[in-house]
Amino acid sequence: MRQQNDTIAHSAKQTWRDRKGPSALVSLATGSDYWSLRHLGPGVRRTIRSLASEPFDVLLVNYLYSSTLLKGLPGGRRLLIDTQNYDPAVFGALRDASQNPLIRLLCRRAIRLSVRQLAALPQGAVLIHVSEADAENYRRDRPDLAHVVIENGCSVHPRIQSPNYQANQKVIMFVGSLSAQMNQDALNHFAIHFWPALRQSTQFRVVGSRPPAGIKSLCARHSWQLFANVSEARLESLYAEAHFAVLPFAYGEGSKLKLMEACGRGVPVLATTAGLRGIASLPPLVFPTDSPEEWCRRVRETRTLEASLIDRTIEFARNLSWPRLADRLADICRAAPVCSW
């Protein structure tokens, strides 16, 4: 059995698969799935083959499209598939949000593939979902499989001090991977629908990794502050300075790690209803509304934070902290049946 901290390198250097444009063109030309093409390259497949003789008894697969890798491994093990999202819905939302015919084509292919892959999963597989809504969708499609919910986890780091909520201009902040299309669409949605109402009363900060040229241009055009590829220590200081975190999503599935991370620091959250999809109950410092005027009112009228509301919001995140979720996952692994494929 490999030790907990063992790592197997499968990508020695960057290739065309690490770039969206070339990957999309190859996918279009070959008829292959774009996401599988990008993330399940030759290095990954070689690594999987090298593990075929390893003495492990639980196989945890991330993303439904990765289930194609099972062909390189012998069965007779416990099989868990972490779906992350309900794929037909998330790819459908990406398709509907884009006017690019190539993106729309790739999303249609991804939907068809996800349906086939779900149907091909062997009896005895356990599907893990991040929300009860996702579980209901997958349960409808494969009622013969076991379905469990483990929400997105977070780190809990209550901030030591909060900014001055009496300030006339408040800091609002978006945190997320800036190379992800859903996050890019969220920032564009924010620019069009929310920023006009907020520009006079707020300073907007965009914090994330690998910002593409389009996001850099968007930030410059609206005078937003961009913090790219920051350290963990710098991220904590940015959370300490923020009056609100924002989730301005026009669409979404599953549950949002960004929400949990803000709550784990006691930072109030302004969110669209799409940004909160998959969350059954919300803590007191999370404010769901699709109205820019309501966002503006909340920013303007929040002049202090009650300690009891901060504590309840942090406790919400603590219930979804990584150690607690890891214990649940361990129990699910032990209870899973052995299956063959």
C-alpha atoms as a PDB file:
ATOM      1  CA  MET A   1       0.000   0.000   0.000  1.00  0.00           C
ATOM      2  CA  ARG A   2       1.369   3.409  -0.867  1.00  0.00           C
ATOM      3  CA  GLN A   3       2.016   5.787   1.997  1.00  0.00           C
ATOM      4  CA  GLN A   4      -0.342   8.710   2.478  1.00  0.00           C
ATOM      5  CA  ASN A   5       2.134  11.285   1.186  1.00  0.00           C
ATOM      6  CA  ASP A   6       3.386   9.317  -1.830  1.00  0.00           C
ATOM      7  CA  THR A   7       3.039  11.191  -5.112  1.00  0.00           C
ATOM      8  CA  ILE A   8       3.342   9.864  -8.634  1.00  0.00           C
ATOM      9  CA  ALA A   9       4.215  12.460 -11.258  1.00  0.00           C
ATOM     10  CA  HIS A  10       2.285  11.963 -14.470  1.00  0.00           C
ATOM     11  CA  SER A  11       2.895  15.262 -16.318  1.00  0.00           C
ATOM     12  CA  ALA A  12       6.574  16.025 -16.709  1.00  0.00           C
ATOM     13  CA  LYS A  13       6.087  19.168 -18.751  1.00  0.00           C
ATOM     14  CA  GLN A  14       3.369  21.262 -20.299  1.00  0.00           C
ATOM     15  CA  THR A  15       1.973  20.241 -23.666  1.00  0.00           C
ATOM     16  CA  TRP A  16      -0.730  21.492 -26.013  1.00  0.00           C
ATOM     17  CA  ARG A  17      -3.252  19.723 -23.749  1.00  0.00           C
ATOM     18  CA  ASP A  18      -2.648  22.430 -21.145  1.00  0.00           C
ATOM     19  CA  ARG A  19      -3.991  25.097 -23.521  1.00  0.00           C
ATOM     20  CA  LYS A  20      -7.697  25.447 -24.155  1.00  0.00           C
ATOM     21  CA  GLY A  21      -7.523  26.555 -27.804  1.00  0.00           C
ATOM     22  CA  PRO A  22      -5.388  23.704 -29.204  1.00  0.00           C
ATOM     23  CA  SER A  23      -7.290  21.169 -27.083  1.00  0.00           C
ATOM     24  CA  ALA A  24     -10.607  22.399 -28.474  1.00  0.00           C
ATOM     25  CA  LEU A  25      -9.344  22.187 -32.057  1.00  0.00           C
ATOM     26  CA  VAL A  26      -7.996  18.658 -31.598  1.00  0.00           C
ATOM     27  CA  SER A  27     -11.257  17.615 -29.963  1.00  0.00           C
ATOM     28  CA  LEU A  28     -13.223  19.065 -32.856  1.00  0.00           C
ATOM     29  CA  ALA A  29     -11.019  17.393 -35.463  1.00  0.00           C
ATOM     30  CA  THR A  30     -10.953  13.962 -33.816  1.00  0.00           C
ATOM     31  CA  GLY A  31     -14.459  13.835 -32.376  1.00  0.00           C
ATOM     32  CA  SER A  32     -13.060  13.186 -28.898  1.00  0.00           C
ATOM     33  CA  ASP A  33     -14.318  14.604 -25.627  1.00  0.00           C
ATOM     34  CA  TYR A  34     -12.659  17.939 -24.817  1.00  0.00           C
ATOM     35  CA  TRP A  35     -12.429  17.420 -21.034  1.00  0.00           C
ATOM     36  CA  SER A  36     -11.109  13.877 -21.299  1.00  0.00           C
ATOM     37  CA  LEU A  37      -8.601  15.024 -23.906  1.00  0.00           C
ATOM     38  CA  ARG A  38      -7.260  17.754 -21.644  1.00  0.00           C
ATOM     39  CA  HIS A  39      -7.164  15.922 -18.333  1.00  0.00           C
ATOM     40  CA  LEU A  40      -6.656  12.246 -19.194  1.00  0.00           C
ATOM     41  CA  GLY A  41      -3.562  12.462 -21.357  1.00  0.00           C
ATOM     42  CA  PRO A  42      -0.913   9.792 -22.010  1.00  0.00           C
ATOM     43  CA  GLY A  43       0.902  10.558 -18.754  1.00  0.00           C
ATOM     44  CA  VAL A  44      -2.219   9.936 -16.699  1.00  0.00           C
ATOM     45  CA  ARG A  45      -2.943   6.687 -18.521  1.00  0.00           C
ATOM     46  CA  ARG A  46       0.620   5.443 -18.058  1.00  0.00           C
ATOM     47  CA  THR A  47       0.353   6.186 -14.355  1.00  0.00           C
ATOM     48  CA  ILE A  48      -2.926   4.265 -14.091  1.00  0.00           C
ATOM     49  CA  ARG A  49      -1.366   1.244 -15.827  1.00  0.00           C
ATOM     50  CA  SER A  50       1.561   1.363 -13.404  1.00  0.00           C
ATOM     51  CA  LEU A  51      -0.886   1.083 -10.498  1.00  0.00           C
ATOM     52  CA  ALA A  52      -2.623  -2.028 -11.842  1.00  0.00           C
ATOM     53  CA  SER A  53      -0.731  -4.377  -9.533  1.00  0.00           C
ATOM     54  CA  GLU A  54      -0.842  -2.171  -6.431  1.00  0.00           C
ATOM     55  CA  PRO A  55      -2.508  -3.814  -3.387  1.00  0.00           C
ATOM     56  CA  PHE A  56      -5.262  -1.243  -2.814  1.00  0.00           C
ATOM     57  CA  ASP A  57      -8.894  -2.155  -2.221  1.00  0.00           C
ATOM     58  CA  VAL A  58     -10.686   1.194  -2.708  1.00  0.00           C
ATOM     59  CA  LEU A  59     -10.659   3.142  -5.953  1.00  0.00           C
ATOM     60  CA  LEU A  60     -11.901   6.753  -5.779  1.00  0.00           C
ATOM     61  CA  VAL A  61     -12.476   8.305  -9.202  1.00  0.00           C
ATOM     62  CA  ASN A  62     -12.860  12.060  -9.586  1.00  0.00           C
ATOM     63  CA  TYR A  63     -15.314  13.136 -12.288  1.00  0.00           C
ATOM     64  CA  LEU A  64     -17.553  10.838 -14.260  1.00  0.00           C
ATOM     65  CA  TYR A  65     -15.480  11.181 -17.450  1.00  0.00           C
ATOM     66  CA  SER A  66     -12.498   9.628 -15.621  1.00  0.00           C
ATOM     67  CA  SER A  67     -14.389   6.338 -15.331  1.00  0.00           C
ATOM     68  CA  THR A  68     -12.961   5.400 -18.748  1.00  0.00           C
ATOM     69  CA  LEU A  69      -9.671   4.753 -16.909  1.00  0.00           C
ATOM     70  CA  LEU A  70     -11.199   1.717 -15.212  1.00  0.00           C
ATOM     71  CA  LYS A  71     -10.353  -0.304 -18.311  1.00  0.00           C
ATOM     72  CA  GLY A  72      -6.707  -0.169 -17.279  1.00  0.00           C
ATOM     73  CA  LEU A  73      -7.295  -1.587 -13.805  1.00  0.00           C
ATOM     74  CA  PRO A  74      -8.477  -5.006 -12.554  1.00  0.00           C
ATOM     75  CA  GLY A  75     -11.834  -5.122 -10.772  1.00  0.00           C
ATOM     76  CA  GLY A  76     -12.655  -6.746  -7.463  1.00  0.00           C
ATOM     77  CA  ARG A  77     -12.310  -3.501  -5.538  1.00  0.00           C
ATOM     78  CA  ARG A  78     -14.594  -0.974  -3.911  1.00  0.00           C
ATOM     79  CA  LEU A  79     -15.405   1.695  -6.495  1.00  0.00           C
ATOM     80  CA  LEU A  80     -16.448   5.242  -5.590  1.00  0.00           C
ATOM     81  CA  ILE A  81     -17.140   7.929  -8.210  1.00  0.00           C
ATOM     82  CA  ASP A  82     -16.978  11.553  -7.007  1.00  0.00           C
ATOM     83  CA  THR A  83     -19.265  13.225  -9.549  1.00  0.00           C
ATOM     84  CA  GLN A  84     -18.491  16.841  -8.472  1.00  0.00           C
ATOM     85  CA  ASN A  85     -21.551  18.113 -10.400  1.00  0.00           C
ATOM     86  CA  TYR A  86     -24.565  16.791 -12.253  1.00  0.00           C
ATOM     87  CA  ASP A  87     -22.796  16.769 -15.623  1.00  0.00           C
ATOM     88  CA  PRO A  88     -25.793  17.117 -17.984  1.00  0.00           C
ATOM     89  CA  ALA A  89     -26.898  20.228 -16.086  1.00  0.00           C
ATOM     90  CA  VAL A  90     -23.496  21.881 -15.734  1.00  0.00           C
ATOM     91  CA  PHE A  91     -22.522  21.281 -19.380  1.00  0.00           C
ATOM     92  CA  GLY A  92     -25.982  22.404 -20.434  1.00  0.00           C
ATOM     93  CA  ALA A  93     -25.544  25.628 -18.475  1.00  0.00           C
ATOM     94  CA  LEU A  94     -22.118  26.228 -20.041  1.00  0.00           C
ATOM     95  CA  ARG A  95     -23.642  25.646 -23.479  1.00  0.00           C
ATOM     96  CA  ASP A  96     -26.526  28.020 -22.874  1.00  0.00           C
ATOM     97  CA  ALA A  97     -24.245  30.732 -21.475  1.00  0.00           C
ATOM     98  CA  SER A  98     -22.029  30.791 -24.586  1.00  0.00           C
ATOM     99  CA  GLN A  99     -22.579  32.188 -28.048  1.00  0.00           C
ATOM    100  CA  ASN A 100     -19.467  30.383 -29.324  1.00  0.00           C
ATOM    101  CA  PRO A 101     -20.601  27.544 -31.625  1.00  0.00           C
ATOM    102  CA  LEU A 102     -17.462  25.505 -30.836  1.00  0.00           C
ATOM    103  CA  ILE A 103     -18.074  25.669 -27.087  1.00  0.00           C
ATOM    104  CA  ARG A 104     -21.718  24.781 -27.599  1.00  0.00           C
ATOM    105  CA  LEU A 105     -20.746  21.762 -29.714  1.00  0.00           C
ATOM    106  CA  LEU A 106     -18.215  20.545 -27.138  1.00  0.00           C
ATOM    107  CA  CYS A 107     -20.803  20.883 -24.380  1.00  0.00           C
ATOM    108  CA  ARG A 108     -23.381  18.883 -26.349  1.00  0.00           C
ATOM    109  CA  ARG A 109     -20.787  16.135 -26.829  1.00  0.00           C
ATOM    110  CA  ALA A 110     -19.959  16.196 -23.114  1.00  0.00           C
ATOM    111  CA  ILE A 111     -23.626  15.778 -22.197  1.00  0.00           C
ATOM    112  CA  ARG A 112     -24.012  12.758 -24.476  1.00  0.00           C
ATOM    113  CA  LEU A 113     -20.788  11.228 -23.130  1.00  0.00           C
ATOM    114  CA  SER A 114     -21.808  11.714 -19.511  1.00  0.00           C
ATOM    115  CA  VAL A 115     -25.096   9.898 -20.162  1.00  0.00           C
ATOM    116  CA  ARG A 116     -23.238   6.961 -21.751  1.00  0.00           C
ATOM    117  CA  GLN A 117     -20.621   6.800 -19.015  1.00  0.00           C
ATOM    118  CA  LEU A 118     -23.226   6.856 -16.270  1.00  0.00           C
ATOM    119  CA  ALA A 119     -25.117   4.017 -17.940  1.00  0.00           C
ATOM    120  CA  ALA A 120     -21.879   1.999 -18.209  1.00  0.00           C
ATOM    121  CA  LEU A 121     -20.944   2.143 -14.509  1.00  0.00           C
ATOM    122  CA  PRO A 122     -20.879  -1.338 -12.951  1.00  0.00           C
ATOM    123  CA  GLN A 123     -23.281  -2.638 -10.334  1.00  0.00           C
ATOM    124  CA  GLY A 124     -21.940  -1.961  -6.849  1.00  0.00           C
ATOM    125  CA  ALA A 125     -20.368   1.417  -7.678  1.00  0.00           C
ATOM    126  CA  VAL A 126     -21.048   4.160  -5.132  1.00  0.00           C
ATOM    127  CA  LEU A 127     -21.653   7.681  -6.447  1.00  0.00           C
ATOM    128  CA  ILE A 128     -20.623  10.615  -4.248  1.00  0.00           C
ATOM    129  CA  HIS A 129     -22.354  13.964  -4.812  1.00  0.00           C
ATOM    130  CA  VAL A 130     -21.774  17.453  -3.421  1.00  0.00           C
ATOM    131  CA  SER A 131     -25.464  18.257  -2.968  1.00  0.00           C
ATOM    132  CA  GLU A 132     -28.767  16.489  -2.416  1.00  0.00           C
ATOM    133  CA  ALA A 133     -30.062  18.024  -5.664  1.00  0.00           C
ATOM    134  CA  ASP A 134     -27.246  16.352  -7.605  1.00  0.00           C
ATOM    135  CA  ALA A 135     -27.930  13.076  -5.816  1.00  0.00           C
ATOM    136  CA  GLU A 136     -31.612  13.215  -6.782  1.00  0.00           C
ATOM    137  CA  ASN A 137     -30.713  13.748 -10.449  1.00  0.00           C
ATOM    138  CA  TYR A 138     -28.214  10.905 -10.561  1.00  0.00           C
ATOM    139  CA  ARG A 139     -30.511   8.658  -8.526  1.00  0.00           C
ATOM    140  CA  ARG A 140     -33.214   9.193 -11.133  1.00  0.00           C
ATOM    141  CA  ASP A 141     -30.818   8.115 -13.890  1.00  0.00           C
ATOM    142  CA  ARG A 142     -29.257   5.160 -12.011  1.00  0.00           C
ATOM    143  CA  PRO A 143     -31.602   4.093  -9.185  1.00  0.00           C
ATOM    144  CA  ASP A 144     -29.769   0.771  -8.919  1.00  0.00           C
ATOM    145  CA  LEU A 145     -26.567   2.388  -7.601  1.00  0.00           C
ATOM    146  CA  ALA A 146     -25.797   3.705  -4.127  1.00  0.00           C
ATOM    147  CA  HIS A 147     -25.810   7.529  -3.845  1.00  0.00           C
ATOM    148  CA  VAL A 148     -24.318   9.502  -0.954  1.00  0.00           C
ATOM    149  CA  VAL A 149     -23.780  13.220  -0.358  1.00  0.00           C
ATOM    150  CA  ILE A 150     -20.487  14.690   0.835  1.00  0.00           C
ATOM    151  CA  GLU A 151     -20.535  18.444   0.421  1.00  0.00           C
ATOM    152  CA  ASN A 152     -17.585  20.516  -0.721  1.00  0.00           C
ATOM    153  CA  GLY A 153     -15.237  20.938   2.207  1.00  0.00           C
ATOM    154  CA  CYS A 154     -13.352  23.972   3.441  1.00  0.00           C
ATOM    155  CA  SER A 155     -10.644  25.182   5.753  1.00  0.00           C
ATOM    156  CA  VAL A 156     -11.869  27.086   8.808  1.00  0.00           C
ATOM    157  CA  HIS A 157      -9.724  30.120   9.623  1.00  0.00           C
ATOM    158  CA  PRO A 158     -11.781  32.725  11.554  1.00  0.00           C
ATOM    159  CA  ARG A 159     -10.277  36.105  10.865  1.00  0.00           C
ATOM    160  CA  ILE A 160      -8.738  37.766  13.895  1.00  0.00           C
ATOM    161  CA  GLN A 161     -10.072  41.221  13.030  1.00  0.00           C
ATOM    162  CA  SER A 162     -12.723  42.613  10.728  1.00  0.00           C
ATOM    163  CA  PRO A 163     -12.597  45.800   8.651  1.00  0.00           C
ATOM    164  CA  ASN A 164     -14.459  48.938   9.678  1.00  0.00           C
ATOM    165  CA  TYR A 165     -18.079  48.463   8.587  1.00  0.00           C
ATOM    166  CA  GLN A 166     -18.747  52.146   9.268  1.00  0.00           C
ATOM    167  CA  ALA A 167     -16.637  53.023   6.208  1.00  0.00           C
ATOM    168  CA  ASN A 168     -18.448  54.786   3.390  1.00  0.00           C
ATOM    169  CA  GLN A 169     -16.658  52.693   0.768  1.00  0.00           C
ATOM    170  CA  LYS A 170     -16.496  48.966   1.426  1.00  0.00           C
ATOM    171  CA  VAL A 171     -14.285  46.248  -0.040  1.00  0.00           C
ATOM    172  CA  ILE A 172     -16.036  43.390  -1.823  1.00  0.00           C
ATOM    173  CA  MET A 173     -14.073  40.423  -3.138  1.00  0.00           C
ATOM    174  CA  PHE A 174     -14.362  37.512  -5.550  1.00  0.00           C
ATOM    175  CA  VAL A 175     -12.087  34.493  -5.018  1.00  0.00           C
ATOM    176  CA  GLY A 176     -11.710  31.636  -7.476  1.00  0.00           C
ATOM    177  CA  SER A 177      -9.727  30.019 -10.249  1.00  0.00           C
ATOM    178  CA  LEU A 178      -9.717  32.638 -13.002  1.00  0.00           C
ATOM    179  CA  SER A 179      -8.995  30.099 -15.743  1.00  0.00           C
ATOM    180  CA  ALA A 180     -12.365  28.397 -15.094  1.00  0.00           C
ATOM    181  CA  GLN A 181     -15.053  29.355 -17.593  1.00  0.00           C
ATOM    182  CA  MET A 182     -17.809  29.466 -14.967  1.00  0.00           C
ATOM    183  CA  ASN A 183     -15.842  31.994 -12.908  1.00  0.00           C
ATOM    184  CA  GLN A 184     -15.087  34.105 -15.971  1.00  0.00           C
ATOM    185  CA  ASP A 185     -18.774  34.124 -16.844  1.00  0.00           C
ATOM    186  CA  ALA A 186     -19.600  35.115 -13.251  1.00  0.00           C
ATOM    187  CA  LEU A 187     -17.290  38.129 -13.403  1.00  0.00           C
ATOM    188  CA  ASN A 188     -18.739  39.228 -16.727  1.00  0.00           C
ATOM    189  CA  HIS A 189     -22.232  38.812 -15.279  1.00  0.00           C
ATOM    190  CA  PHE A 190     -21.191  40.924 -12.287  1.00  0.00           C
ATOM    191  CA  ALA A 191     -19.782  43.646 -14.549  1.00  0.00           C
ATOM    192  CA  ILE A 192     -23.020  43.960 -16.507  1.00  0.00           C
ATOM    193  CA  HIS A 193     -25.663  43.489 -13.831  1.00  0.00           C
ATOM    194  CA  PHE A 194     -24.194  44.394 -10.437  1.00  0.00           C
ATOM    195  CA  TRP A 195     -21.226  46.712 -10.827  1.00  0.00           C
ATOM    196  CA  PRO A 196     -23.219  49.750 -12.071  1.00  0.00           C
ATOM    197  CA  ALA A 197     -25.168  49.776  -8.790  1.00  0.00           C
ATOM    198  CA  LEU A 198     -22.096  49.167  -6.617  1.00  0.00           C
ATOM    199  CA  ARG A 199     -19.325  51.191  -8.229  1.00  0.00           C
ATOM    200  CA  GLN A 200     -19.922  54.312  -6.107  1.00  0.00           C
ATOM    201  CA  SER A 201     -19.924  52.541  -2.749  1.00  0.00           C
ATOM    202  CA  THR A 202     -17.427  49.707  -3.131  1.00  0.00           C
ATOM    203  CA  GLN A 203     -13.916  48.733  -4.153  1.00  0.00           C
ATOM    204  CA  PHE A 204     -13.935  45.409  -5.996  1.00  0.00           C
ATOM    205  CA  ARG A 205     -11.072  42.941  -5.701  1.00  0.00           C
ATOM    206  CA  VAL A 206     -10.637  39.884  -7.920  1.00  0.00           C
ATOM    207  CA  VAL A 207      -8.422  37.208  -6.383  1.00  0.00           C
ATOM    208  CA  GLY A 208      -7.437  34.034  -8.177  1.00  0.00           C
ATOM    209  CA  SER A 209      -4.981  31.951 -10.118  1.00  0.00           C
ATOM    210  CA  ARG A 210      -4.012  32.046 -13.788  1.00  0.00           C
ATOM    211  CA  PRO A 211      -6.074  35.038 -14.967  1.00  0.00           C
ATOM    212  CA  PRO A 212      -6.412  35.008 -18.779  1.00  0.00           C
ATOM    213  CA  ALA A 213      -6.058  38.129 -20.898  1.00  0.00           C
ATOM    214  CA  GLY A 214      -9.821  38.633 -20.991  1.00  0.00           C
ATOM    215  CA  ILE A 215     -10.089  38.837 -17.200  1.00  0.00           C
ATOM    216  CA  LYS A 216      -7.090  41.163 -16.979  1.00  0.00           C
ATOM    217  CA  SER A 217      -8.758  43.413 -19.542  1.00  0.00           C
ATOM    218  CA  LEU A 218     -12.099  43.276 -17.692  1.00  0.00           C
ATOM    219  CA  CYS A 219     -10.432  44.305 -14.421  1.00  0.00           C
ATOM    220  CA  ALA A 220      -8.542  47.152 -16.069  1.00  0.00           C
ATOM    221  CA  ARG A 221     -11.653  48.409 -17.857  1.00  0.00           C
ATOM    222  CA  HIS A 222     -13.651  48.677 -14.633  1.00  0.00           C
ATOM    223  CA  SER A 223     -10.755  49.697 -12.347  1.00  0.00           C
ATOM    224  CA  TRP A 224     -11.026  46.501 -10.324  1.00  0.00           C
ATOM    225  CA  GLN A 225      -8.021  45.391  -8.314  1.00  0.00           C
ATOM    226  CA  LEU A 226      -6.613  42.084  -9.563  1.00  0.00           C
ATOM    227  CA  PHE A 227      -4.614  39.870  -7.189  1.00  0.00           C
ATOM    228  CA  ALA A 228      -3.213  36.967  -9.181  1.00  0.00           C
ATOM    229  CA  ASN A 229      -1.625  33.778  -7.840  1.00  0.00           C
ATOM    230  CA  VAL A 230      -1.422  35.004  -4.253  1.00  0.00           C
ATOM    231  CA  SER A 231       0.112  33.039  -1.378  1.00  0.00           C
ATOM    232  CA  GLU A 232      -2.017  31.533   1.390  1.00  0.00           C
ATOM    233  CA  ALA A 233      -0.796  34.221   3.776  1.00  0.00           C
ATOM    234  CA  ARG A 234      -1.749  36.982   1.336  1.00  0.00           C
ATOM    235  CA  LEU A 235      -5.149  35.402   0.770  1.00  0.00           C
ATOM    236  CA  GLU A 236      -5.815  35.477   4.509  1.00  0.00           C
ATOM    237  CA  SER A 237      -4.899  39.153   4.674  1.00  0.00           C
ATOM    238  CA  LEU A 238      -7.256  39.897   1.764  1.00  0.00           C
ATOM    239  CA  TYR A 239     -10.095  38.101   3.533  1.00  0.00           C
ATOM    240  CA  ALA A 240      -9.314  40.157   6.658  1.00  0.00           C
ATOM    241  CA  GLU A 241      -9.721  43.385   4.661  1.00  0.00           C
ATOM    242  CA  ALA A 242     -12.927  42.369   2.846  1.00  0.00           C
ATOM    243  CA  HIS A 243     -16.325  43.561   4.035  1.00  0.00           C
ATOM    244  CA  PHE A 244     -18.102  41.049   1.779  1.00  0.00           C
ATOM    245  CA  ALA A 245     -17.285  38.096  -0.442  1.00  0.00           C
ATOM    246  CA  VAL A 246     -19.392  37.864  -3.603  1.00  0.00           C
ATOM    247  CA  LEU A 247     -20.738  34.952  -5.650  1.00  0.00           C
ATOM    248  CA  PRO A 248     -22.228  36.642  -8.737  1.00  0.00           C
ATOM    249  CA  PHE A 249     -22.984  33.479 -10.720  1.00  0.00           C
ATOM    250  CA  ALA A 250     -25.487  33.468 -13.565  1.00  0.00           C
ATOM    251  CA  TYR A 251     -25.627  29.672 -13.477  1.00  0.00           C
ATOM    252  CA  GLY A 252     -24.261  26.899 -11.333  1.00  0.00           C
ATOM    253  CA  GLU A 253     -24.588  23.346 -10.091  1.00  0.00           C
ATOM    254  CA  GLY A 254     -23.369  21.446  -7.060  1.00  0.00           C
ATOM    255  CA  SER A 255     -22.195  23.604  -4.162  1.00  0.00           C
ATOM    256  CA  LYS A 256     -19.620  26.371  -4.027  1.00  0.00           C
ATOM    257  CA  LEU A 257     -16.321  25.986  -2.206  1.00  0.00           C
ATOM    258  CA  LYS A 258     -16.053  29.799  -2.357  1.00  0.00           C
ATOM    259  CA  LEU A 259     -19.079  30.073  -0.084  1.00  0.00           C
ATOM    260  CA  MET A 260     -17.675  27.661   2.502  1.00  0.00           C
ATOM    261  CA  GLU A 261     -14.265  29.350   2.541  1.00  0.00           C
ATOM    262  CA  ALA A 262     -15.760  32.800   3.175  1.00  0.00           C
ATOM    263  CA  CYS A 263     -18.030  31.445   5.913  1.00  0.00           C
ATOM    264  CA  GLY A 264     -15.060  29.700   7.524  1.00  0.00           C
ATOM    265  CA  ARG A 265     -13.513  33.118   8.034  1.00  0.00           C
ATOM    266  CA  GLY A 266     -16.683  34.832   9.212  1.00  0.00           C
ATOM    267  CA  VAL A 267     -16.922  37.024   6.093  1.00  0.00           C
ATOM    268  CA  PRO A 268     -20.455  37.999   4.961  1.00  0.00           C
ATOM    269  CA  VAL A 269     -21.424  36.748   1.506  1.00  0.00           C
ATOM    270  CA  LEU A 270     -23.517  38.396  -1.220  1.00  0.00           C
ATOM    271  CA  ALA A 271     -24.708  35.760  -3.658  1.00  0.00           C
ATOM    272  CA  THR A 272     -27.052  35.180  -6.538  1.00  0.00           C
ATOM    273  CA  THR A 273     -29.470  32.283  -6.222  1.00  0.00           C
ATOM    274  CA  ALA A 274     -27.402  30.385  -8.819  1.00  0.00           C
ATOM    275  CA  GLY A 275     -24.312  30.880  -6.673  1.00  0.00           C
ATOM    276  CA  LEU A 276     -26.030  29.115  -3.774  1.00  0.00           C
ATOM    277  CA  ARG A 277     -27.517  26.218  -5.702  1.00  0.00           C
ATOM    278  CA  GLY A 278     -27.136  22.945  -3.858  1.00  0.00           C
ATOM    279  CA  ILE A 279     -27.027  24.500  -0.360  1.00  0.00           C
ATOM    280  CA  ALA A 280     -29.950  23.272   1.720  1.00  0.00           C
ATOM    281  CA  SER A 281     -29.745  25.783   4.580  1.00  0.00           C
ATOM    282  CA  LEU A 282     -27.767  28.997   4.859  1.00  0.00           C
ATOM    283  CA  PRO A 283     -26.001  30.662   7.793  1.00  0.00           C
ATOM    284  CA  PRO A 284     -27.056  34.174   8.877  1.00  0.00           C
ATOM    285  CA  LEU A 285     -24.302  36.128   7.129  1.00  0.00           C
ATOM    286  CA  VAL A 286     -25.109  34.770   3.651  1.00  0.00           C
ATOM    287  CA  PHE A 287     -27.495  36.997   1.710  1.00  0.00           C
ATOM    288  CA  PRO A 288     -29.121  35.452  -1.384  1.00  0.00           C
ATOM    289  CA  THR A 289     -30.679  37.746  -3.960  1.00  0.00           C
ATOM    290  CA  ASP A 290     -30.501  38.397  -7.692  1.00  0.00           C
ATOM    291  CA  SER A 291     -31.278  42.088  -7.233  1.00  0.00           C
ATOM    292  CA  PRO A 292     -28.357  44.519  -7.660  1.00  0.00           C
ATOM    293  CA  GLU A 293     -30.343  47.062  -5.639  1.00  0.00           C
ATOM    294  CA  GLU A 294     -30.553  44.608  -2.734  1.00  0.00           C
ATOM    295  CA  TRP A 295     -26.803  43.978  -2.901  1.00  0.00           C
ATOM    296  CA  CYS A 296     -26.249  47.724  -2.794  1.00  0.00           C
ATOM    297  CA  ARG A 297     -28.659  48.147   0.135  1.00  0.00           C
ATOM    298  CA  ARG A 298     -26.981  45.363   2.092  1.00  0.00           C
ATOM    299  CA  VAL A 299     -23.545  46.909   1.553  1.00  0.00           C
ATOM    300  CA  ARG A 300     -24.779  50.355   2.541  1.00  0.00           C
ATOM    301  CA  GLU A 301     -26.788  49.321   5.616  1.00  0.00           C
ATOM    302  CA  THR A 302     -24.354  46.825   7.150  1.00  0.00           C
ATOM    303  CA  ARG A 303     -22.610  49.010   9.714  1.00  0.00           C
ATOM    304  CA  THR A 304     -21.588  46.318  12.182  1.00  0.00           C
ATOM    305  CA  LEU A 305     -21.409  42.515  12.502  1.00  0.00           C
ATOM    306  CA  GLU A 306     -22.930  40.833  15.524  1.00  0.00           C
ATOM    307  CA  ALA A 307     -20.567  38.363  17.167  1.00  0.00           C
ATOM    308  CA  SER A 308     -23.306  35.733  17.455  1.00  0.00           C
ATOM    309  CA  LEU A 309     -23.970  35.878  13.698  1.00  0.00           C
ATOM    310  CA  ILE A 310     -20.267  35.514  12.951  1.00  0.00           C
ATOM    311  CA  ASP A 311     -20.054  32.499  15.275  1.00  0.00           C
ATOM    312  CA  ARG A 312     -23.064  30.795  13.657  1.00  0.00           C
ATOM    313  CA  THR A 313     -21.648  31.387  10.190  1.00  0.00           C
ATOM    314  CA  ILE A 314     -18.261  29.944  11.144  1.00  0.00           C
ATOM    315  CA  GLU A 315     -19.980  26.932  12.741  1.00  0.00           C
ATOM    316  CA  PHE A 316     -21.802  26.322   9.437  1.00  0.00           C
ATOM    317  CA  ALA A 317     -18.389  26.049   7.764  1.00  0.00           C
ATOM    318  CA  ARG A 318     -16.951  23.972  10.604  1.00  0.00           C
ATOM    319  CA  ASN A 319     -19.578  21.304   9.975  1.00  0.00           C
ATOM    320  CA  LEU A 320     -18.186  21.102   6.425  1.00  0.00           C
ATOM    321  CA  SER A 321     -14.507  21.207   7.360  1.00  0.00           C
ATOM    322  CA  TRP A 322     -12.128  18.765   5.717  1.00  0.00           C
ATOM    323  CA  PRO A 323     -11.502  16.618   8.849  1.00  0.00           C
ATOM    324  CA  ARG A 324     -15.228  16.022   9.385  1.00  0.00           C
ATOM    325  CA  LEU A 325     -15.825  15.215   5.722  1.00  0.00           C
ATOM    326  CA  ALA A 326     -12.794  12.894   5.667  1.00  0.00           C
ATOM    327  CA  ASP A 327     -14.303  10.875   8.509  1.00  0.00           C
ATOM    328  CA  ARG A 328     -17.552  10.522   6.560  1.00  0.00           C
ATOM    329  CA  LEU A 329     -15.685   9.463   3.423  1.00  0.00           C
ATOM    330  CA  ALA A 330     -13.754   6.820   5.378  1.00  0.00           C
ATOM    331  CA  ASP A 331     -17.028   5.370   6.662  1.00  0.00           C
ATOM    332  CA  ILE A 332     -18.456   5.274   3.123  1.00  0.00           C
ATOM    333  CA  CYS A 333     -15.333   3.520   1.816  1.00  0.00           C
ATOM    334  CA  ARG A 334     -15.573   0.847   4.492  1.00  0.00           C
ATOM    335  CA  ALA A 335     -19.270   0.238   3.756  1.00  0.00           C
ATOM    336  CA  ALA A 336     -18.944   0.126  -0.048  1.00  0.00           C
ATOM    337  CA  PRO A 337     -19.380  -3.281  -1.705  1.00  0.00           C
ATOM    338  CA  VAL A 338     -16.688  -4.914  -3.821  1.00  0.00           C
ATOM    339  CA  CYS A 339     -17.568  -4.688  -7.498  1.00  0.00           C
ATOM    340  CA  SER A 340     -16.175  -5.825 -10.836  1.00  0.00           C
ATOM    341  CA  TRP A 341     -15.905  -4.048 -14.169  1.00  0.00           C
END
